[in-house]
């Protein structure tokens, strides 16, 4: 019988050192180096696996979402650390890259890690 014990998610990067620096110094997550890559450690105990891949191609979709209490403050904090947020040319996205859900979903802001993987901040 299929009985998963401790599921986890993962994605690839092209530069493990750059990823470790970004997730630890910029995002503020504890990062643990493991033989096959990195583990991002969340306060809930969940771990997210990041592995090096020589021919890495970033996903075209969001691979990791961070739920925050104050989206505007989180965007401002990361922007001050050099994170560029994606801005869409529509009436629902402001100049900082905060996309208002408008009743169809949460308020959200997208950005990329050094490997080009799409991440987001989502208003809780």
PDB file of N, CA and C in Angstrom:
ATOM      1  N   UNK A   1       0.845  -1.184   0.000  1.00  0.00           N
ATOM      2  CA  UNK A   1       0.000   0.000   0.000  1.00  0.00           C
ATOM      3  C   UNK A   1       0.891   1.248   0.000  1.00  0.00           C
ATOM      4  N   UNK A   2       0.511   2.221  -0.775  1.00  0.00           N
ATOM      5  CA  UNK A   2       1.240   3.497  -0.826  1.00  0.00           C
ATOM      6  C   UNK A   2       0.978   4.264   0.451  1.00  0.00           C
ATOM      7  N   UNK A   3       2.039   4.596   1.175  1.00  0.00           N
ATOM      8  CA  UNK A   3       1.897   5.299   2.436  1.00  0.00           C
ATOM      9  C   UNK A   3       3.053   6.290   2.599  1.00  0.00           C
ATOM     10  N   UNK A   4       2.902   7.498   2.009  1.00  0.00           N
ATOM     11  CA  UNK A   4       3.993   8.470   2.093  1.00  0.00           C
ATOM     12  C   UNK A   4       4.247   8.900   3.532  1.00  0.00           C
ATOM     13  N   UNK A   5       5.522   9.048   3.852  1.00  0.00           N
ATOM     14  CA  UNK A   5       5.901   9.393   5.211  1.00  0.00           C
ATOM     15  C   UNK A   5       6.135  10.888   5.379  1.00  0.00           C
ATOM     16  N   UNK A   6       7.126  11.425   4.679  1.00  0.00           N
ATOM     17  CA  UNK A   6       7.464  12.835   4.804  1.00  0.00           C
ATOM     18  C   UNK A   6       7.637  13.435   3.415  1.00  0.00           C
ATOM     19  N   UNK A   7       6.562  13.839   2.771  1.00  0.00           N
ATOM     20  CA  UNK A   7       6.691  14.406   1.429  1.00  0.00           C
ATOM     21  C   UNK A   7       7.440  15.737   1.473  1.00  0.00           C
ATOM     22  N   UNK A   8       8.098  16.055   0.375  1.00  0.00           N
ATOM     23  CA  UNK A   8       8.775  17.335   0.245  1.00  0.00           C
ATOM     24  C   UNK A   8       8.762  17.719  -1.225  1.00  0.00           C
ATOM     25  N   UNK A   9       9.029  18.962  -1.476  1.00  0.00           N
ATOM     26  CA  UNK A   9       9.067  19.445  -2.844  1.00  0.00           C
ATOM     27  C   UNK A   9      10.496  19.835  -3.189  1.00  0.00           C
ATOM     28  N   UNK A  10      10.742  20.088  -4.469  1.00  0.00           N
ATOM     29  CA  UNK A  10      12.074  20.481  -4.869  1.00  0.00           C
ATOM     30  C   UNK A  10      12.085  21.080  -6.259  1.00  0.00           C
ATOM     31  N   UNK A  11      13.171  21.795  -6.548  1.00  0.00           N
ATOM     32  CA  UNK A  11      13.396  22.313  -7.892  1.00  0.00           C
ATOM     33  C   UNK A  11      14.888  22.487  -8.088  1.00  0.00           C
ATOM     34  N   UNK A  12      15.275  22.671  -9.346  1.00  0.00           N
ATOM     35  CA  UNK A  12      16.692  22.781  -9.675  1.00  0.00           C
ATOM     36  C   UNK A  12      17.138  24.231  -9.787  1.00  0.00           C
ATOM     37  N   UNK A  13      18.462  24.401  -9.687  1.00  0.00           N
ATOM     38  CA  UNK A  13      19.113  25.686  -9.900  1.00  0.00           C
ATOM     39  C   UNK A  13      20.397  25.430 -10.677  1.00  0.00           C
ATOM     40  N   UNK A  14      20.940  26.476 -11.268  1.00  0.00           N
ATOM     41  CA  UNK A  14      22.182  26.312 -12.012  1.00  0.00           C
ATOM     42  C   UNK A  14      23.413  26.647 -11.189  1.00  0.00           C
ATOM     43  N   UNK A  15      23.244  27.295 -10.028  1.00  0.00           N
ATOM     44  CA  UNK A  15      24.372  27.692  -9.185  1.00  0.00           C
ATOM     45  C   UNK A  15      23.961  27.528  -7.727  1.00  0.00           C
ATOM     46  N   UNK A  16      24.429  26.461  -7.104  1.00  0.00           N
ATOM     47  CA  UNK A  16      24.034  26.145  -5.738  1.00  0.00           C
ATOM     48  C   UNK A  16      24.491  27.210  -4.742  1.00  0.00           C
ATOM     49  N   UNK A  17      25.684  27.760  -4.924  1.00  0.00           N
ATOM     50  CA  UNK A  17      26.174  28.795  -4.010  1.00  0.00           C
ATOM     51  C   UNK A  17      25.331  30.061  -4.100  1.00  0.00           C
ATOM     52  N   UNK A  18      24.972  30.464  -5.320  1.00  0.00           N
ATOM     53  CA  UNK A  18      24.122  31.649  -5.493  1.00  0.00           C
ATOM     54  C   UNK A  18      22.749  31.409  -4.873  1.00  0.00           C
ATOM     55  N   UNK A  19      22.210  30.200  -5.038  1.00  0.00           N
ATOM     56  CA  UNK A  19      20.907  29.866  -4.451  1.00  0.00           C
ATOM     57  C   UNK A  19      20.991  29.911  -2.929  1.00  0.00           C
ATOM     58  N   UNK A  20      22.039  29.317  -2.362  1.00  0.00           N
ATOM     59  CA  UNK A  20      22.191  29.307  -0.905  1.00  0.00           C
ATOM     60  C   UNK A  20      22.255  30.731  -0.366  1.00  0.00           C
ATOM     61  N   UNK A  21      23.026  31.578  -1.011  1.00  0.00           N
ATOM     62  CA  UNK A  21      23.150  32.966  -0.579  1.00  0.00           C
ATOM     63  C   UNK A  21      21.816  33.698  -0.670  1.00  0.00           C
ATOM     64  N   UNK A  22      21.112  33.532  -1.784  1.00  0.00           N
ATOM     65  CA  UNK A  22      19.834  34.207  -1.986  1.00  0.00           C
ATOM     66  C   UNK A  22      18.801  33.772  -0.946  1.00  0.00           C
ATOM     67  N   UNK A  23      18.627  32.470  -0.783  1.00  0.00           N
ATOM     68  CA  UNK A  23      17.580  31.990   0.124  1.00  0.00           C
ATOM     69  C   UNK A  23      17.914  32.276   1.588  1.00  0.00           C
ATOM     70  N   UNK A  24      19.203  32.254   1.924  1.00  0.00           N
ATOM     71  CA  UNK A  24      19.582  32.508   3.304  1.00  0.00           C
ATOM     72  C   UNK A  24      19.694  34.001   3.600  1.00  0.00           C
ATOM     73  N   UNK A  25      20.445  34.727   2.789  1.00  0.00           N
ATOM     74  CA  UNK A  25      20.706  36.145   3.081  1.00  0.00           C
ATOM     75  C   UNK A  25      19.577  37.072   2.653  1.00  0.00           C
ATOM     76  N   UNK A  26      19.014  36.847   1.484  1.00  0.00           N
ATOM     77  CA  UNK A  26      17.971  37.740   0.970  1.00  0.00           C
ATOM     78  C   UNK A  26      16.595  37.370   1.513  1.00  0.00           C
ATOM     79  N   UNK A  27      16.230  36.104   1.382  1.00  0.00           N
ATOM     80  CA  UNK A  27      14.900  35.657   1.831  1.00  0.00           C
ATOM     81  C   UNK A  27      14.860  35.470   3.348  1.00  0.00           C
ATOM     82  N   UNK A  28      15.974  35.039   3.939  1.00  0.00           N
ATOM     83  CA  UNK A  28      16.029  34.873   5.390  1.00  0.00           C
ATOM     84  C   UNK A  28      15.673  33.487   5.885  1.00  0.00           C
ATOM     85  N   UNK A  29      15.788  32.486   5.026  1.00  0.00           N
ATOM     86  CA  UNK A  29      15.498  31.112   5.435  1.00  0.00           C
ATOM     87  C   UNK A  29      16.765  30.413   5.904  1.00  0.00           C
ATOM     88  N   UNK A  30      16.654  29.574   6.923  1.00  0.00           N
ATOM     89  CA  UNK A  30      17.785  28.714   7.237  1.00  0.00           C
ATOM     90  C   UNK A  30      18.019  27.765   6.054  1.00  0.00           C
ATOM     91  N   UNK A  31      19.276  27.597   5.685  1.00  0.00           N
ATOM     92  CA  UNK A  31      19.638  26.728   4.569  1.00  0.00           C
ATOM     93  C   UNK A  31      20.625  25.688   5.084  1.00  0.00           C
ATOM     94  N   UNK A  32      20.355  24.443   4.781  1.00  0.00           N
ATOM     95  CA  UNK A  32      21.258  23.366   5.180  1.00  0.00           C
ATOM     96  C   UNK A  32      21.820  22.706   3.930  1.00  0.00           C
ATOM     97  N   UNK A  33      23.133  22.629   3.849  1.00  0.00           N
ATOM     98  CA  UNK A  33      23.759  21.918   2.733  1.00  0.00           C
ATOM     99  C   UNK A  33      23.681  20.424   3.016  1.00  0.00           C
ATOM    100  N   UNK A  34      23.210  19.686   2.042  1.00  0.00           N
ATOM    101  CA  UNK A  34      23.123  18.229   2.120  1.00  0.00           C
ATOM    102  C   UNK A  34      23.914  17.669   0.944  1.00  0.00           C
ATOM    103  N   UNK A  35      24.268  16.395   0.962  1.00  0.00           N
ATOM    104  CA  UNK A  35      25.121  15.863  -0.110  1.00  0.00           C
ATOM    105  C   UNK A  35      24.626  16.141  -1.532  1.00  0.00           C
ATOM    106  N   UNK A  36      23.333  16.155  -1.750  1.00  0.00           N
ATOM    107  CA  UNK A  36      22.817  16.322  -3.111  1.00  0.00           C
ATOM    108  C   UNK A  36      22.370  17.739  -3.433  1.00  0.00           C
ATOM    109  N   UNK A  37      22.522  18.686  -2.487  1.00  0.00           N
ATOM    110  CA  UNK A  37      22.080  20.051  -2.767  1.00  0.00           C
ATOM    111  C   UNK A  37      21.883  20.850  -1.501  1.00  0.00           C
ATOM    112  N   UNK A  38      20.725  21.506  -1.414  1.00  0.00           N
ATOM    113  CA  UNK A  38      20.374  22.346  -0.273  1.00  0.00           C
ATOM    114  C   UNK A  38      18.985  21.979   0.220  1.00  0.00           C
ATOM    115  N   UNK A  39      18.754  22.205   1.492  1.00  0.00           N
ATOM    116  CA  UNK A  39      17.406  22.137   2.020  1.00  0.00           C
ATOM    117  C   UNK A  39      17.071  23.500   2.604  1.00  0.00           C
ATOM    118  N   UNK A  40      15.956  24.064   2.147  1.00  0.00           N
ATOM    119  CA  UNK A  40      15.425  25.293   2.727  1.00  0.00           C
ATOM    120  C   UNK A  40      14.553  24.850   3.887  1.00  0.00           C
ATOM    121  N   UNK A  41      14.748  25.437   5.035  1.00  0.00           N
ATOM    122  CA  UNK A  41      14.046  24.982   6.233  1.00  0.00           C
ATOM    123  C   UNK A  41      13.047  26.052   6.671  1.00  0.00           C
ATOM    124  N   UNK A  42      11.795  25.666   6.758  1.00  0.00           N
ATOM    125  CA  UNK A  42      10.725  26.581   7.133  1.00  0.00           C
ATOM    126  C   UNK A  42      10.380  26.413   8.610  1.00  0.00           C
ATOM    127  N   UNK A  43       9.798  27.450   9.207  1.00  0.00           N
ATOM    128  CA  UNK A  43       9.453  27.439  10.628  1.00  0.00           C
ATOM    129  C   UNK A  43       8.503  26.291  10.971  1.00  0.00           C
ATOM    130  N   UNK A  44       7.727  25.839  10.007  1.00  0.00           N
ATOM    131  CA  UNK A  44       6.781  24.739  10.238  1.00  0.00           C
ATOM    132  C   UNK A  44       7.477  23.385  10.322  1.00  0.00           C
ATOM    133  N   UNK A  45       8.772  23.353   9.967  1.00  0.00           N
ATOM    134  CA  UNK A  45       9.500  22.084   9.926  1.00  0.00           C
ATOM    135  C   UNK A  45       9.578  21.516   8.518  1.00  0.00           C
ATOM    136  N   UNK A  46       8.767  22.049   7.620  1.00  0.00           N
ATOM    137  CA  UNK A  46       8.814  21.601   6.228  1.00  0.00           C
ATOM    138  C   UNK A  46      10.170  21.965   5.630  1.00  0.00           C
ATOM    139  N   UNK A  47      10.644  21.113   4.759  1.00  0.00           N
ATOM    140  CA  UNK A  47      11.900  21.362   4.057  1.00  0.00           C
ATOM    141  C   UNK A  47      11.633  21.329   2.565  1.00  0.00           C
ATOM    142  N   UNK A  48      12.354  22.166   1.859  1.00  0.00           N
ATOM    143  CA  UNK A  48      12.232  22.239   0.404  1.00  0.00           C
ATOM    144  C   UNK A  48      13.612  21.962  -0.174  1.00  0.00           C
ATOM    145  N   UNK A  49      13.700  20.988  -1.070  1.00  0.00           N
ATOM    146  CA  UNK A  49      14.970  20.549  -1.625  1.00  0.00           C
ATOM    147  C   UNK A  49      15.333  21.355  -2.867  1.00  0.00           C
ATOM    148  N   UNK A  50      16.558  21.863  -2.918  1.00  0.00           N
ATOM    149  CA  UNK A  50      17.080  22.604  -4.061  1.00  0.00           C
ATOM    150  C   UNK A  50      18.318  21.864  -4.536  1.00  0.00           C
ATOM    151  N   UNK A  51      18.318  21.469  -5.801  1.00  0.00           N
ATOM    152  CA  UNK A  51      19.431  20.661  -6.294  1.00  0.00           C
ATOM    153  C   UNK A  51      20.062  21.291  -7.532  1.00  0.00           C
ATOM    154  N   UNK A  52      21.354  21.076  -7.705  1.00  0.00           N
ATOM    155  CA  UNK A  52      22.027  21.629  -8.881  1.00  0.00           C
ATOM    156  C   UNK A  52      21.719  20.789 -10.112  1.00  0.00           C
ATOM    157  N   UNK A  53      21.570  21.465 -11.227  1.00  0.00           N
ATOM    158  CA  UNK A  53      21.329  20.768 -12.486  1.00  0.00           C
ATOM    159  C   UNK A  53      22.109  21.513 -13.561  1.00  0.00           C
ATOM    160  N   UNK A  54      23.017  20.815 -14.213  1.00  0.00           N
ATOM    161  CA  UNK A  54      23.905  21.432 -15.193  1.00  0.00           C
ATOM    162  C   UNK A  54      23.145  22.129 -16.313  1.00  0.00           C
ATOM    163  N   UNK A  55      22.104  21.504 -16.822  1.00  0.00           N
ATOM    164  CA  UNK A  55      21.330  22.088 -17.917  1.00  0.00           C
ATOM    165  C   UNK A  55      20.003  22.659 -17.411  1.00  0.00           C
ATOM    166  N   UNK A  56      20.049  23.273 -16.241  1.00  0.00           N
ATOM    167  CA  UNK A  56      18.857  23.856 -15.604  1.00  0.00           C
ATOM    168  C   UNK A  56      18.140  24.832 -16.535  1.00  0.00           C
ATOM    169  N   UNK A  57      16.847  24.688 -16.602  1.00  0.00           N
ATOM    170  CA  UNK A  57      15.974  25.657 -17.265  1.00  0.00           C
ATOM    171  C   UNK A  57      14.893  26.021 -16.266  1.00  0.00           C
ATOM    172  N   UNK A  58      14.745  27.307 -15.961  1.00  0.00           N
ATOM    173  CA  UNK A  58      13.741  27.698 -14.967  1.00  0.00           C
ATOM    174  C   UNK A  58      12.334  27.322 -15.419  1.00  0.00           C
ATOM    175  N   UNK A  59      11.524  26.975 -14.438  1.00  0.00           N
ATOM    176  CA  UNK A  59      10.121  26.688 -14.719  1.00  0.00           C
ATOM    177  C   UNK A  59       9.418  27.973 -15.153  1.00  0.00           C
ATOM    178  N   UNK A  60       8.396  27.840 -15.936  1.00  0.00           N
ATOM    179  CA  UNK A  60       7.622  28.995 -16.389  1.00  0.00           C
ATOM    180  C   UNK A  60       6.434  29.265 -15.464  1.00  0.00           C
ATOM    181  N   UNK A  61       6.391  28.576 -14.357  1.00  0.00           N
ATOM    182  CA  UNK A  61       5.300  28.707 -13.390  1.00  0.00           C
ATOM    183  C   UNK A  61       5.906  28.909 -12.007  1.00  0.00           C
ATOM    184  N   UNK A  62       5.092  29.285 -11.046  1.00  0.00           N
ATOM    185  CA  UNK A  62       5.559  29.527  -9.691  1.00  0.00           C
ATOM    186  C   UNK A  62       5.925  28.207  -9.022  1.00  0.00           C
ATOM    187  N   UNK A  63       7.161  28.120  -8.528  1.00  0.00           N
ATOM    188  CA  UNK A  63       7.620  26.885  -7.891  1.00  0.00           C
ATOM    189  C   UNK A  63       7.582  26.944  -6.370  1.00  0.00           C
ATOM    190  N   UNK A  64       7.494  28.164  -5.816  1.00  0.00           N
ATOM    191  CA  UNK A  64       7.489  28.294  -4.363  1.00  0.00           C
ATOM    192  C   UNK A  64       6.751  29.575  -3.995  1.00  0.00           C
ATOM    193  N   UNK A  65       5.787  29.450  -3.089  1.00  0.00           N
ATOM    194  CA  UNK A  65       4.985  30.579  -2.621  1.00  0.00           C
ATOM    195  C   UNK A  65       5.270  30.831  -1.150  1.00  0.00           C
ATOM    196  N   UNK A  66       5.423  32.097  -0.795  1.00  0.00           N
ATOM    197  CA  UNK A  66       5.618  32.486   0.595  1.00  0.00           C
ATOM    198  C   UNK A  66       4.393  33.269   1.041  1.00  0.00           C
ATOM    199  N   UNK A  67       3.676  32.764   2.033  1.00  0.00           N
ATOM    200  CA  UNK A  67       2.501  33.453   2.560  1.00  0.00           C
ATOM    201  C   UNK A  67       2.994  34.444   3.612  1.00  0.00           C
ATOM    202  N   UNK A  68       2.585  35.702   3.466  1.00  0.00           N
ATOM    203  CA  UNK A  68       3.008  36.766   4.380  1.00  0.00           C
ATOM    204  C   UNK A  68       1.797  37.498   4.937  1.00  0.00           C
ATOM    205  N   UNK A  69       1.962  38.068   6.131  1.00  0.00           N
ATOM    206  CA  UNK A  69       0.873  38.817   6.753  1.00  0.00           C
ATOM    207  C   UNK A  69       0.667  40.180   6.120  1.00  0.00           C
ATOM    208  N   UNK A  70       1.764  40.811   5.689  1.00  0.00           N
ATOM    209  CA  UNK A  70       1.700  42.152   5.124  1.00  0.00           C
ATOM    210  C   UNK A  70       2.471  42.159   3.807  1.00  0.00           C
ATOM    211  N   UNK A  71       1.746  41.993   2.717  1.00  0.00           N
ATOM    212  CA  UNK A  71       2.365  41.865   1.397  1.00  0.00           C
ATOM    213  C   UNK A  71       3.167  43.109   1.029  1.00  0.00           C
ATOM    214  N   UNK A  72       2.616  44.284   1.234  1.00  0.00           N
ATOM    215  CA  UNK A  72       3.319  45.520   0.868  1.00  0.00           C
ATOM    216  C   UNK A  72       4.631  45.645   1.634  1.00  0.00           C
ATOM    217  N   UNK A  73       4.627  45.348   2.923  1.00  0.00           N
ATOM    218  CA  UNK A  73       5.845  45.434   3.730  1.00  0.00           C
ATOM    219  C   UNK A  73       6.872  44.402   3.276  1.00  0.00           C
ATOM    220  N   UNK A  74       6.417  43.192   2.945  1.00  0.00           N
ATOM    221  CA  UNK A  74       7.330  42.143   2.484  1.00  0.00           C
ATOM    222  C   UNK A  74       7.952  42.509   1.137  1.00  0.00           C
ATOM    223  N   UNK A  75       7.144  43.063   0.236  1.00  0.00           N
ATOM    224  CA  UNK A  75       7.660  43.514  -1.058  1.00  0.00           C
ATOM    225  C   UNK A  75       8.702  44.607  -0.843  1.00  0.00           C
ATOM    226  N   UNK A  76       8.385  45.579   0.001  1.00  0.00           N
ATOM    227  CA  UNK A  76       9.322  46.667   0.270  1.00  0.00           C
ATOM    228  C   UNK A  76      10.625  46.146   0.871  1.00  0.00           C
ATOM    229  N   UNK A  77      10.525  45.190   1.793  1.00  0.00           N
ATOM    230  CA  UNK A  77      11.711  44.625   2.444  1.00  0.00           C
ATOM    231  C   UNK A  77      12.609  43.919   1.425  1.00  0.00           C
ATOM    232  N   UNK A  78      12.021  43.063   0.598  1.00  0.00           N
ATOM    233  CA  UNK A  78      12.826  42.336  -0.392  1.00  0.00           C
ATOM    234  C   UNK A  78      13.344  43.260  -1.492  1.00  0.00           C
ATOM    235  N   UNK A  79      12.556  44.232  -1.889  1.00  0.00           N
ATOM    236  CA  UNK A  79      13.009  45.191  -2.899  1.00  0.00           C
ATOM    237  C   UNK A  79      14.232  45.958  -2.383  1.00  0.00           C
ATOM    238  N   UNK A  80      14.230  46.281  -1.099  1.00  0.00           N
ATOM    239  CA  UNK A  80      15.378  46.977  -0.501  1.00  0.00           C
ATOM    240  C   UNK A  80      16.628  46.094  -0.500  1.00  0.00           C
ATOM    241  N   UNK A  81      16.429  44.783  -0.579  1.00  0.00           N
ATOM    242  CA  UNK A  81      17.545  43.837  -0.634  1.00  0.00           C
ATOM    243  C   UNK A  81      17.938  43.496  -2.072  1.00  0.00           C
ATOM    244  N   UNK A  82      17.325  44.191  -3.031  1.00  0.00           N
ATOM    245  CA  UNK A  82      17.688  44.006  -4.424  1.00  0.00           C
ATOM    246  C   UNK A  82      16.816  43.077  -5.233  1.00  0.00           C
ATOM    247  N   UNK A  83      15.722  42.604  -4.661  1.00  0.00           N
ATOM    248  CA  UNK A  83      14.819  41.720  -5.399  1.00  0.00           C
ATOM    249  C   UNK A  83      13.970  42.553  -6.350  1.00  0.00           C
ATOM    250  N   UNK A  84      13.898  42.120  -7.608  1.00  0.00           N
ATOM    251  CA  UNK A  84      13.051  42.782  -8.605  1.00  0.00           C
ATOM    252  C   UNK A  84      11.752  42.009  -8.731  1.00  0.00           C
ATOM    253  N   UNK A  85      10.641  42.704  -8.608  1.00  0.00           N
ATOM    254  CA  UNK A  85       9.331  42.078  -8.734  1.00  0.00           C
ATOM    255  C   UNK A  85       8.811  42.257 -10.143  1.00  0.00           C
ATOM    256  N   UNK A  86       8.132  41.215 -10.630  1.00  0.00           N
ATOM    257  CA  UNK A  86       7.581  41.253 -11.981  1.00  0.00           C
ATOM    258  C   UNK A  86       6.346  42.147 -11.989  1.00  0.00           C
ATOM    259  N   UNK A  87       6.284  43.031 -12.937  1.00  0.00           N
ATOM    260  CA  UNK A  87       5.096  43.867 -13.064  1.00  0.00           C
ATOM    261  C   UNK A  87       4.374  43.511 -14.360  1.00  0.00           C
ATOM    262  N   UNK A  88       3.083  43.335 -14.248  1.00  0.00           N
ATOM    263  CA  UNK A  88       2.247  43.068 -15.408  1.00  0.00           C
ATOM    264  C   UNK A  88       1.628  44.375 -15.869  1.00  0.00           C
ATOM    265  N   UNK A  89       1.441  44.508 -17.138  1.00  0.00           N
ATOM    266  CA  UNK A  89       0.846  45.713 -17.701  1.00  0.00           C
ATOM    267  C   UNK A  89      -0.674  45.560 -17.686  1.00  0.00           C
ATOM    268  N   UNK A  90      -1.236  45.630 -16.502  1.00  0.00           N
ATOM    269  CA  UNK A  90      -2.692  45.575 -16.382  1.00  0.00           C
ATOM    270  C   UNK A  90      -3.139  46.462 -15.224  1.00  0.00           C
ATOM    271  N   UNK A  91      -4.403  46.689 -15.126  1.00  0.00           N
ATOM    272  CA  UNK A  91      -4.937  47.591 -14.114  1.00  0.00           C
ATOM    273  C   UNK A  91      -4.895  46.997 -12.711  1.00  0.00           C
ATOM    274  N   UNK A  92      -4.616  45.691 -12.579  1.00  0.00           N
ATOM    275  CA  UNK A  92      -4.605  45.053 -11.269  1.00  0.00           C
ATOM    276  C   UNK A  92      -3.226  45.005 -10.621  1.00  0.00           C
ATOM    277  N   UNK A  93      -2.181  45.449 -11.328  1.00  0.00           N
ATOM    278  CA  UNK A  93      -0.812  45.387 -10.800  1.00  0.00           C
ATOM    279  C   UNK A  93      -0.266  46.796 -10.611  1.00  0.00           C
ATOM    280  N   UNK A  94       0.237  47.062  -9.400  1.00  0.00           N
ATOM    281  CA  UNK A  94       0.779  48.395  -9.155  1.00  0.00           C
ATOM    282  C   UNK A  94       2.251  48.475  -9.574  1.00  0.00           C
ATOM    283  N   UNK A  95       2.842  49.630  -9.415  1.00  0.00           N
ATOM    284  CA  UNK A  95       4.216  49.868  -9.871  1.00  0.00           C
ATOM    285  C   UNK A  95       5.244  49.011  -9.142  1.00  0.00           C
ATOM    286  N   UNK A  96       4.908  48.560  -7.925  1.00  0.00           N
ATOM    287  CA  UNK A  96       5.839  47.713  -7.169  1.00  0.00           C
ATOM    288  C   UNK A  96       5.742  46.248  -7.563  1.00  0.00           C
ATOM    289  N   UNK A  97       4.728  45.890  -8.341  1.00  0.00           N
ATOM    290  CA  UNK A  97       4.550  44.502  -8.745  1.00  0.00           C
ATOM    291  C   UNK A  97       3.521  43.756  -7.924  1.00  0.00           C
ATOM    292  N   UNK A  98       2.766  44.465  -7.101  1.00  0.00           N
ATOM    293  CA  UNK A  98       1.719  43.815  -6.311  1.00  0.00           C
ATOM    294  C   UNK A  98       0.466  43.704  -7.162  1.00  0.00           C
ATOM    295  N   UNK A  99       0.047  42.471  -7.379  1.00  0.00           N
ATOM    296  CA  UNK A  99      -1.136  42.192  -8.200  1.00  0.00           C
ATOM    297  C   UNK A  99      -2.321  41.990  -7.263  1.00  0.00           C
ATOM    298  N   UNK A 100      -3.318  42.845  -7.389  1.00  0.00           N
ATOM    299  CA  UNK A 100      -4.526  42.741  -6.570  1.00  0.00           C
ATOM    300  C   UNK A 100      -5.388  41.612  -7.101  1.00  0.00           C
ATOM    301  N   UNK A 101      -5.757  40.708  -6.217  1.00  0.00           N
ATOM    302  CA  UNK A 101      -6.554  39.551  -6.623  1.00  0.00           C
ATOM    303  C   UNK A 101      -7.919  39.923  -7.168  1.00  0.00           C
ATOM    304  N   UNK A 102      -8.453  41.034  -6.724  1.00  0.00           N
ATOM    305  CA  UNK A 102      -9.725  41.514  -7.245  1.00  0.00           C
ATOM    306  C   UNK A 102     -10.882  40.541  -7.095  1.00  0.00           C
ATOM    307  N   UNK A 103     -10.880  39.754  -6.033  1.00  0.00           N
ATOM    308  CA  UNK A 103     -11.968  38.814  -5.803  1.00  0.00           C
ATOM    309  C   UNK A 103     -11.767  37.473  -6.496  1.00  0.00           C
ATOM    310  N   UNK A 104     -10.734  37.353  -7.336  1.00  0.00           N
ATOM    311  CA  UNK A 104     -10.484  36.097  -8.054  1.00  0.00           C
ATOM    312  C   UNK A 104      -9.340  35.299  -7.442  1.00  0.00           C
ATOM    313  N   UNK A 105      -8.735  35.840  -6.426  1.00  0.00           N
ATOM    314  CA  UNK A 105      -7.605  35.185  -5.783  1.00  0.00           C
ATOM    315  C   UNK A 105      -6.939  36.149  -4.834  1.00  0.00           C
ATOM    316  N   UNK A 106      -5.876  35.696  -4.184  1.00  0.00           N
ATOM    317  CA  UNK A 106      -5.211  36.560  -3.214  1.00  0.00           C
ATOM    318  C   UNK A 106      -4.378  37.643  -3.886  1.00  0.00           C
ATOM    319  N   UNK A 107      -4.022  38.661  -3.116  1.00  0.00           N
ATOM    320  CA  UNK A 107      -3.048  39.636  -3.586  1.00  0.00           C
ATOM    321  C   UNK A 107      -1.698  38.928  -3.611  1.00  0.00           C
ATOM    322  N   UNK A 108      -0.913  39.169  -4.653  1.00  0.00           N
ATOM    323  CA  UNK A 108       0.299  38.386  -4.876  1.00  0.00           C
ATOM    324  C   UNK A 108       1.354  39.236  -5.588  1.00  0.00           C
ATOM    325  N   UNK A 109       2.611  38.910  -5.362  1.00  0.00           N
ATOM    326  CA  UNK A 109       3.717  39.568  -6.063  1.00  0.00           C
ATOM    327  C   UNK A 109       4.725  38.487  -6.456  1.00  0.00           C
ATOM    328  N   UNK A 110       5.119  38.488  -7.734  1.00  0.00           N
ATOM    329  CA  UNK A 110       6.032  37.475  -8.252  1.00  0.00           C
ATOM    330  C   UNK A 110       7.442  38.025  -8.421  1.00  0.00           C
ATOM    331  N   UNK A 111       8.434  37.176  -8.196  1.00  0.00           N
ATOM    332  CA  UNK A 111       9.834  37.519  -8.403  1.00  0.00           C
ATOM    333  C   UNK A 111      10.593  36.240  -8.732  1.00  0.00           C
ATOM    334  N   UNK A 112      11.870  36.372  -9.051  1.00  0.00           N
ATOM    335  CA  UNK A 112      12.660  35.203  -9.430  1.00  0.00           C
ATOM    336  C   UNK A 112      13.881  35.059  -8.538  1.00  0.00           C
ATOM    337  N   UNK A 113      14.328  33.813  -8.381  1.00  0.00           N
ATOM    338  CA  UNK A 113      15.581  33.560  -7.682  1.00  0.00           C
ATOM    339  C   UNK A 113      16.731  33.710  -8.680  1.00  0.00           C
ATOM    340  N   UNK A 114      17.982  33.603  -8.253  1.00  0.00           N
ATOM    341  CA  UNK A 114      19.100  33.794  -9.186  1.00  0.00           C
ATOM    342  C   UNK A 114      19.106  32.820 -10.367  1.00  0.00           C
ATOM    343  N   UNK A 115      18.448  31.671 -10.222  1.00  0.00           N
ATOM    344  CA  UNK A 115      18.391  30.688 -11.308  1.00  0.00           C
ATOM    345  C   UNK A 115      17.221  30.934 -12.248  1.00  0.00           C
ATOM    346  N   UNK A 116      16.405  31.956 -11.963  1.00  0.00           N
ATOM    347  CA  UNK A 116      15.267  32.275 -12.817  1.00  0.00           C
ATOM    348  C   UNK A 116      13.984  31.569 -12.436  1.00  0.00           C
ATOM    349  N   UNK A 117      13.973  30.817 -11.328  1.00  0.00           N
ATOM    350  CA  UNK A 117      12.749  30.155 -10.877  1.00  0.00           C
ATOM    351  C   UNK A 117      11.769  31.197 -10.355  1.00  0.00           C
ATOM    352  N   UNK A 118      10.498  31.041 -10.689  1.00  0.00           N
ATOM    353  CA  UNK A 118       9.462  31.989 -10.285  1.00  0.00           C
ATOM    354  C   UNK A 118       9.002  31.665  -8.859  1.00  0.00           C
ATOM    355  N   UNK A 119       9.024  32.687  -8.013  1.00  0.00           N
ATOM    356  CA  UNK A 119       8.577  32.601  -6.624  1.00  0.00           C
ATOM    357  C   UNK A 119       7.499  33.652  -6.418  1.00  0.00           C
ATOM    358  N   UNK A 120       6.756  33.542  -5.325  1.00  0.00           N
ATOM    359  CA  UNK A 120       5.762  34.581  -5.060  1.00  0.00           C
ATOM    360  C   UNK A 120       5.620  34.854  -3.580  1.00  0.00           C
ATOM    361  N   UNK A 121       5.140  36.041  -3.304  1.00  0.00           N
ATOM    362  CA  UNK A 121       4.661  36.411  -1.976  1.00  0.00           C
ATOM    363  C   UNK A 121       3.154  36.514  -2.096  1.00  0.00           C
ATOM    364  N   UNK A 122       2.439  35.933  -1.159  1.00  0.00           N
ATOM    365  CA  UNK A 122       0.972  35.946  -1.194  1.00  0.00           C
ATOM    366  C   UNK A 122       0.471  36.509   0.131  1.00  0.00           C
ATOM    367  N   UNK A 123      -0.464  37.456   0.049  1.00  0.00           N
ATOM    368  CA  UNK A 123      -1.087  38.016   1.245  1.00  0.00           C
ATOM    369  C   UNK A 123      -1.919  36.943   1.923  1.00  0.00           C
ATOM    370  N   UNK A 124      -1.695  36.763   3.237  1.00  0.00           N
ATOM    371  CA  UNK A 124      -2.471  35.740   3.972  1.00  0.00           C
ATOM    372  C   UNK A 124      -3.883  36.199   4.212  1.00  0.00           C
TER     373      UNK A 124
END
